[in-house]
């Protein structure tokens, strides 16, 4: 979690507070409601993302419950913090793309939701956790009058990303459905800042900058996720897929933000 302004940040289980170039660190626990309330005192914004406990890195039914409970605690704490102006809730594309009749659906966008029963049926715990946690957050935000925007990210690619990422459960099916997408950390950060700083930003925003739709793209992604694996040619079973997920809403916002900065400059 990151909290912002006036000069405060909450990262993971820590709050980083900058005051006159001094850094203060506070530890908090997403399952300890009072510690969250204490951490957010005086903050104007919250960037929330859930990180599994170190002793429970794999997503399962237990993790689903934990993530939902954490989202509930954080949004409830935001509602009790008078200085909070906006919450940016980090969710996932996996809260969008998993549904029974997905092959018959039109292109996916931020209006789509994964179906919990479908996720349970195929043990897509990451998708289930993100879906239920985000829905819990939205329900509380609307009930308590918290200004919230969500960023539904594709698979974030970076040095720590690997083939064991729970996001990749069902990756072959996502590829076949044209919804396997990735995002660079820089774009993800820029998107969070954009939706936080733009008063007119609302609802959900799908965030990705690459769609994996070609066999070569799939091989490159596999090599990125597992650099030690031998270089292989695309499988004959892979074929070029039509992209069926769109992030036009975020692209439009980012263009508007960039244009505004140029005018201000």
Protein backbone atom coordinates (compact mmCIF):
# COMPACT_ATOMS: atom_id res chain seq x y z
CA UNK A 1 0.00 0.00 0.00
CA UNK A 2 1.17 3.51 -0.73
CA UNK A 3 -0.38 6.51 0.91
CA UNK A 4 0.29 9.98 -0.37
CA UNK A 5 0.10 13.61 0.65
CA UNK A 6 0.81 15.29 2.71
CA UNK A 7 4.10 13.54 2.08
CA UNK A 8 3.19 10.10 3.37
CA UNK A 9 3.59 6.69 1.77
CA UNK A 10 2.47 3.26 2.87
CA UNK A 11 4.37 0.43 1.17
CA UNK A 12 3.51 -3.18 1.84
CA UNK A 13 3.61 -3.40 5.61
CA UNK A 14 5.43 -0.12 6.07
CA UNK A 15 4.46 3.53 6.13
CA UNK A 16 7.06 5.91 4.79
CA UNK A 17 6.57 9.49 5.91
CA UNK A 18 8.71 12.32 4.59
CA UNK A 19 8.85 15.48 6.66
CA UNK A 20 11.56 18.09 6.09
CA UNK A 21 13.69 15.50 4.28
CA UNK A 22 13.41 13.11 7.20
CA UNK A 23 12.10 9.58 6.63
CA UNK A 24 9.90 7.94 9.24
CA UNK A 25 9.02 4.28 8.93
CA UNK A 26 5.91 2.76 10.50
CA UNK A 27 4.98 -0.91 10.29
CA UNK A 28 1.38 -1.92 9.74
CA UNK A 29 -0.60 -5.10 9.10
CA UNK A 30 -3.47 -5.27 6.57
CA UNK A 31 -5.25 -7.63 8.98
CA UNK A 32 -4.83 -5.27 11.93
CA UNK A 33 -7.53 -2.65 11.42
CA UNK A 34 -6.30 -0.23 14.06
CA UNK A 35 -2.74 -0.26 12.69
CA UNK A 36 -4.10 0.74 9.28
CA UNK A 37 -6.11 3.59 10.78
CA UNK A 38 -3.05 4.81 12.67
CA UNK A 39 -0.84 4.57 9.57
CA UNK A 40 -3.17 6.66 7.42
CA UNK A 41 -3.61 9.57 9.82
CA UNK A 42 -3.04 12.80 7.92
CA UNK A 43 -2.82 11.10 4.50
CA UNK A 44 -4.76 12.37 1.53
CA UNK A 45 -4.42 9.37 -0.78
CA UNK A 46 -3.95 5.64 -0.71
CA UNK A 47 -2.44 3.37 -3.37
CA UNK A 48 -3.45 -0.11 -2.30
CA UNK A 49 -2.09 -3.45 -3.47
CA UNK A 50 -2.20 -6.80 -1.72
CA UNK A 51 0.99 -8.79 -1.14
CA UNK A 52 0.65 -12.36 0.19
CA UNK A 53 2.27 -13.04 3.57
CA UNK A 54 5.81 -14.35 3.22
CA UNK A 55 4.80 -17.72 4.66
CA UNK A 56 1.87 -18.06 2.23
CA UNK A 57 3.12 -17.20 -1.25
CA UNK A 58 0.81 -19.52 -3.20
CA UNK A 59 -2.77 -18.58 -3.95
CA UNK A 60 -5.37 -20.99 -2.64
CA UNK A 61 -8.80 -20.83 -0.96
CA UNK A 62 -7.19 -19.55 2.23
CA UNK A 63 -5.48 -16.74 0.33
CA UNK A 64 -8.80 -15.71 -1.22
CA UNK A 65 -10.26 -15.16 2.24
CA UNK A 66 -7.19 -13.28 3.40
CA UNK A 67 -7.21 -10.91 0.43
CA UNK A 68 -10.91 -10.15 0.79
CA UNK A 69 -10.50 -9.46 4.52
CA UNK A 70 -7.52 -7.17 3.87
CA UNK A 71 -9.47 -5.18 1.26
CA UNK A 72 -12.37 -4.81 3.68
CA UNK A 73 -10.14 -3.55 6.48
CA UNK A 74 -8.31 -1.06 4.30
CA UNK A 75 -11.44 0.48 2.76
CA UNK A 76 -13.15 0.65 6.13
CA UNK A 77 -10.09 2.44 7.50
CA UNK A 78 -10.16 4.86 4.57
CA UNK A 79 -13.79 5.65 5.35
CA UNK A 80 -12.75 6.55 8.90
CA UNK A 81 -9.86 8.78 7.77
CA UNK A 82 -11.23 12.25 7.12
CA UNK A 83 -8.16 13.42 5.20
CA UNK A 84 -8.34 10.66 2.56
CA UNK A 85 -9.35 12.18 -0.77
CA UNK A 86 -8.98 9.21 -3.12
CA UNK A 87 -8.11 5.51 -3.06
CA UNK A 88 -6.41 3.83 -6.02
CA UNK A 89 -7.11 0.12 -5.67
CA UNK A 90 -4.74 -2.18 -7.56
CA UNK A 91 -6.62 -5.15 -8.96
CA UNK A 92 -5.90 -7.48 -11.87
CA UNK A 93 -6.99 -8.44 -15.35
CA UNK A 94 -7.78 -11.83 -13.80
CA UNK A 95 -10.76 -10.11 -12.15
CA UNK A 96 -12.07 -9.43 -15.66
CA UNK A 97 -11.47 -12.32 -18.06
CA UNK A 98 -12.66 -15.54 -16.41
CA UNK A 99 -16.24 -16.49 -17.25
CA UNK A 100 -18.17 -19.48 -18.52
CA UNK A 101 -19.11 -18.13 -21.94
CA UNK A 102 -16.03 -15.99 -22.48
CA UNK A 103 -15.37 -17.34 -25.98
CA UNK A 104 -18.75 -16.04 -27.10
CA UNK A 105 -18.31 -12.62 -25.53
CA UNK A 106 -17.28 -9.50 -27.38
CA UNK A 107 -13.95 -7.84 -26.57
CA UNK A 108 -13.28 -7.58 -22.84
CA UNK A 109 -12.94 -4.19 -21.19
CA UNK A 110 -13.26 -2.63 -17.74
CA UNK A 111 -17.00 -3.36 -17.63
CA UNK A 112 -16.42 -7.12 -17.47
CA UNK A 113 -16.08 -9.17 -14.30
CA UNK A 114 -14.76 -12.67 -13.75
CA UNK A 115 -17.38 -15.10 -12.49
CA UNK A 116 -16.60 -16.42 -8.96
CA UNK A 117 -18.27 -19.80 -9.56
CA UNK A 118 -16.22 -20.33 -12.72
CA UNK A 119 -13.03 -19.45 -10.85
CA UNK A 120 -13.88 -21.87 -8.06
CA UNK A 121 -14.73 -24.64 -10.54
CA UNK A 122 -11.29 -24.47 -12.17
CA UNK A 123 -9.40 -23.43 -9.02
CA UNK A 124 -8.41 -20.07 -10.48
CA UNK A 125 -7.65 -18.72 -7.01
CA UNK A 126 -5.83 -15.59 -8.15
CA UNK A 127 -8.78 -14.56 -10.32
CA UNK A 128 -11.23 -15.37 -7.53
CA UNK A 129 -9.25 -13.45 -4.92
CA UNK A 130 -8.89 -10.36 -7.11
CA UNK A 131 -12.55 -10.45 -8.12
CA UNK A 132 -13.99 -10.82 -4.61
CA UNK A 133 -11.52 -8.40 -3.04
CA UNK A 134 -12.21 -5.72 -5.64
CA UNK A 135 -15.97 -6.20 -5.37
CA UNK A 136 -15.70 -5.95 -1.59
CA UNK A 137 -13.72 -2.72 -1.95
CA UNK A 138 -16.22 -1.24 -4.40
CA UNK A 139 -19.17 -2.14 -2.18
CA UNK A 140 -17.57 -0.48 0.84
CA UNK A 141 -16.42 2.55 -1.14
CA UNK A 142 -19.94 3.19 -2.45
CA UNK A 143 -21.55 2.54 0.93
CA UNK A 144 -19.11 4.72 2.89
CA UNK A 145 -18.71 7.46 0.28
CA UNK A 146 -15.02 6.79 -0.41
CA UNK A 147 -13.71 8.14 -3.73
CA UNK A 148 -12.11 5.05 -5.28
CA UNK A 149 -10.64 4.17 -8.67
CA UNK A 150 -9.25 0.74 -9.57
CA UNK A 151 -6.36 -0.19 -11.86
CA UNK A 152 -6.73 -3.73 -13.22
CA UNK A 153 -3.23 -4.69 -14.25
CA UNK A 154 -1.97 -7.31 -16.65
CA UNK A 155 0.89 -9.56 -15.62
CA UNK A 156 3.59 -7.22 -14.34
CA UNK A 157 6.90 -8.23 -15.89
CA UNK A 158 10.08 -7.56 -13.99
CA UNK A 159 13.11 -9.22 -12.38
CA UNK A 160 10.97 -10.95 -9.75
CA UNK A 161 8.31 -12.30 -12.11
CA UNK A 162 8.48 -16.03 -12.78
CA UNK A 163 6.49 -18.88 -14.26
CA UNK A 164 5.18 -19.61 -10.76
CA UNK A 165 3.22 -16.34 -10.67
CA UNK A 166 -0.39 -17.13 -9.66
CA UNK A 167 -1.52 -14.69 -12.35
CA UNK A 168 -0.37 -17.26 -14.93
CA UNK A 169 -2.71 -20.04 -13.78
CA UNK A 170 -4.67 -20.68 -16.98
CA UNK A 171 -2.15 -18.83 -19.17
CA UNK A 172 -2.66 -21.19 -22.18
CA UNK A 173 -6.39 -20.48 -22.05
CA UNK A 174 -5.77 -16.74 -21.74
CA UNK A 175 -3.55 -16.93 -24.79
CA UNK A 176 -6.20 -18.83 -26.78
CA UNK A 177 -8.82 -16.29 -25.70
CA UNK A 178 -6.65 -13.33 -26.75
CA UNK A 179 -6.54 -11.87 -23.24
CA UNK A 180 -3.00 -12.67 -22.07
CA UNK A 181 -1.51 -9.23 -21.45
CA UNK A 182 1.51 -7.82 -19.63
CA UNK A 183 2.45 -4.45 -18.19
CA UNK A 184 5.77 -2.78 -17.47
CA UNK A 185 6.22 -1.40 -13.97
CA UNK A 186 6.77 2.14 -15.33
CA UNK A 187 3.41 2.19 -17.11
CA UNK A 188 1.70 0.71 -14.08
CA UNK A 189 3.15 3.43 -11.86
CA UNK A 190 2.24 6.16 -14.36
CA UNK A 191 -1.31 4.83 -14.56
CA UNK A 192 -1.70 4.93 -10.79
CA UNK A 193 -0.48 8.52 -10.65
CA UNK A 194 -2.72 9.53 -13.55
CA UNK A 195 -5.93 8.16 -12.04
CA UNK A 196 -5.04 9.63 -8.66
CA UNK A 197 -4.28 13.11 -9.93
CA UNK A 198 -7.13 13.35 -12.47
CA UNK A 199 -10.34 14.44 -10.70
CA UNK A 200 -12.50 13.14 -13.56
CA UNK A 201 -11.03 9.62 -13.39
CA UNK A 202 -13.65 7.11 -12.31
CA UNK A 203 -14.41 3.40 -12.10
CA UNK A 204 -12.04 0.73 -13.38
CA UNK A 205 -9.08 1.00 -15.76
CA UNK A 206 -7.46 -1.95 -17.51
CA UNK A 207 -3.71 -1.43 -17.55
CA UNK A 208 -1.37 -3.22 -19.96
CA UNK A 209 0.97 -2.32 -22.80
CA UNK A 210 1.53 -5.68 -24.48
CA UNK A 211 -0.88 -8.35 -25.66
CA UNK A 212 0.64 -11.81 -26.13
CA UNK A 213 -1.10 -12.95 -29.31
CA UNK A 214 1.67 -14.43 -31.48
CA UNK A 215 3.71 -17.61 -30.92
CA UNK A 216 6.94 -15.60 -30.89
CA UNK A 217 5.46 -13.34 -28.19
CA UNK A 218 4.57 -16.37 -26.09
CA UNK A 219 8.10 -17.77 -26.40
CA UNK A 220 9.66 -14.40 -25.48
CA UNK A 221 7.42 -14.17 -22.43
CA UNK A 222 8.35 -17.70 -21.34
CA UNK A 223 12.05 -16.89 -21.72
CA UNK A 224 11.60 -13.67 -19.75
CA UNK A 225 9.87 -15.54 -16.95
CA UNK A 226 12.40 -18.40 -16.96
CA UNK A 227 15.75 -17.09 -18.28
CA UNK A 228 17.59 -20.30 -17.39
CA UNK A 229 15.38 -22.43 -19.64
CA UNK A 230 16.81 -23.37 -23.05
CA UNK A 231 15.71 -21.25 -25.99
CA UNK A 232 12.96 -23.03 -27.89
CA UNK A 233 11.02 -22.41 -31.08
CA UNK A 234 7.30 -21.63 -30.93
CA UNK A 235 5.15 -24.72 -30.46
CA UNK A 236 3.17 -25.90 -33.46
CA UNK A 237 0.13 -25.86 -31.20
CA UNK A 238 0.39 -22.08 -30.84
CA UNK A 239 -1.21 -19.90 -33.47
CA UNK A 240 -1.70 -16.18 -33.98
CA UNK A 241 -4.66 -15.06 -31.87
CA UNK A 242 -6.82 -12.00 -32.26
CA UNK A 243 -6.55 -9.65 -29.30
CA UNK A 244 -9.85 -9.59 -27.43
CA UNK A 245 -9.17 -7.21 -24.58
CA UNK A 246 -9.08 -3.42 -24.75
CA UNK A 247 -7.75 -0.65 -22.52
CA UNK A 248 -9.02 2.34 -24.50
CA UNK A 249 -10.30 4.04 -21.36
CA UNK A 250 -6.84 4.19 -19.78
CA UNK A 251 -5.15 5.13 -23.07
CA UNK A 252 -7.53 8.08 -23.45
CA UNK A 253 -6.81 9.23 -19.91
CA UNK A 254 -3.04 8.94 -20.36
CA UNK A 255 -3.18 10.98 -23.58
CA UNK A 256 -5.20 13.67 -21.82
CA UNK A 257 -2.77 13.76 -18.90
CA UNK A 258 0.22 14.00 -21.24
CA UNK A 259 -1.43 16.81 -23.21
CA UNK A 260 -2.18 18.70 -20.00
CA UNK A 261 1.43 18.46 -18.88
CA UNK A 262 2.63 19.82 -22.20
CA UNK A 263 0.29 22.79 -21.87
CA UNK A 264 1.44 23.43 -18.30
CA UNK A 265 5.08 23.16 -19.42
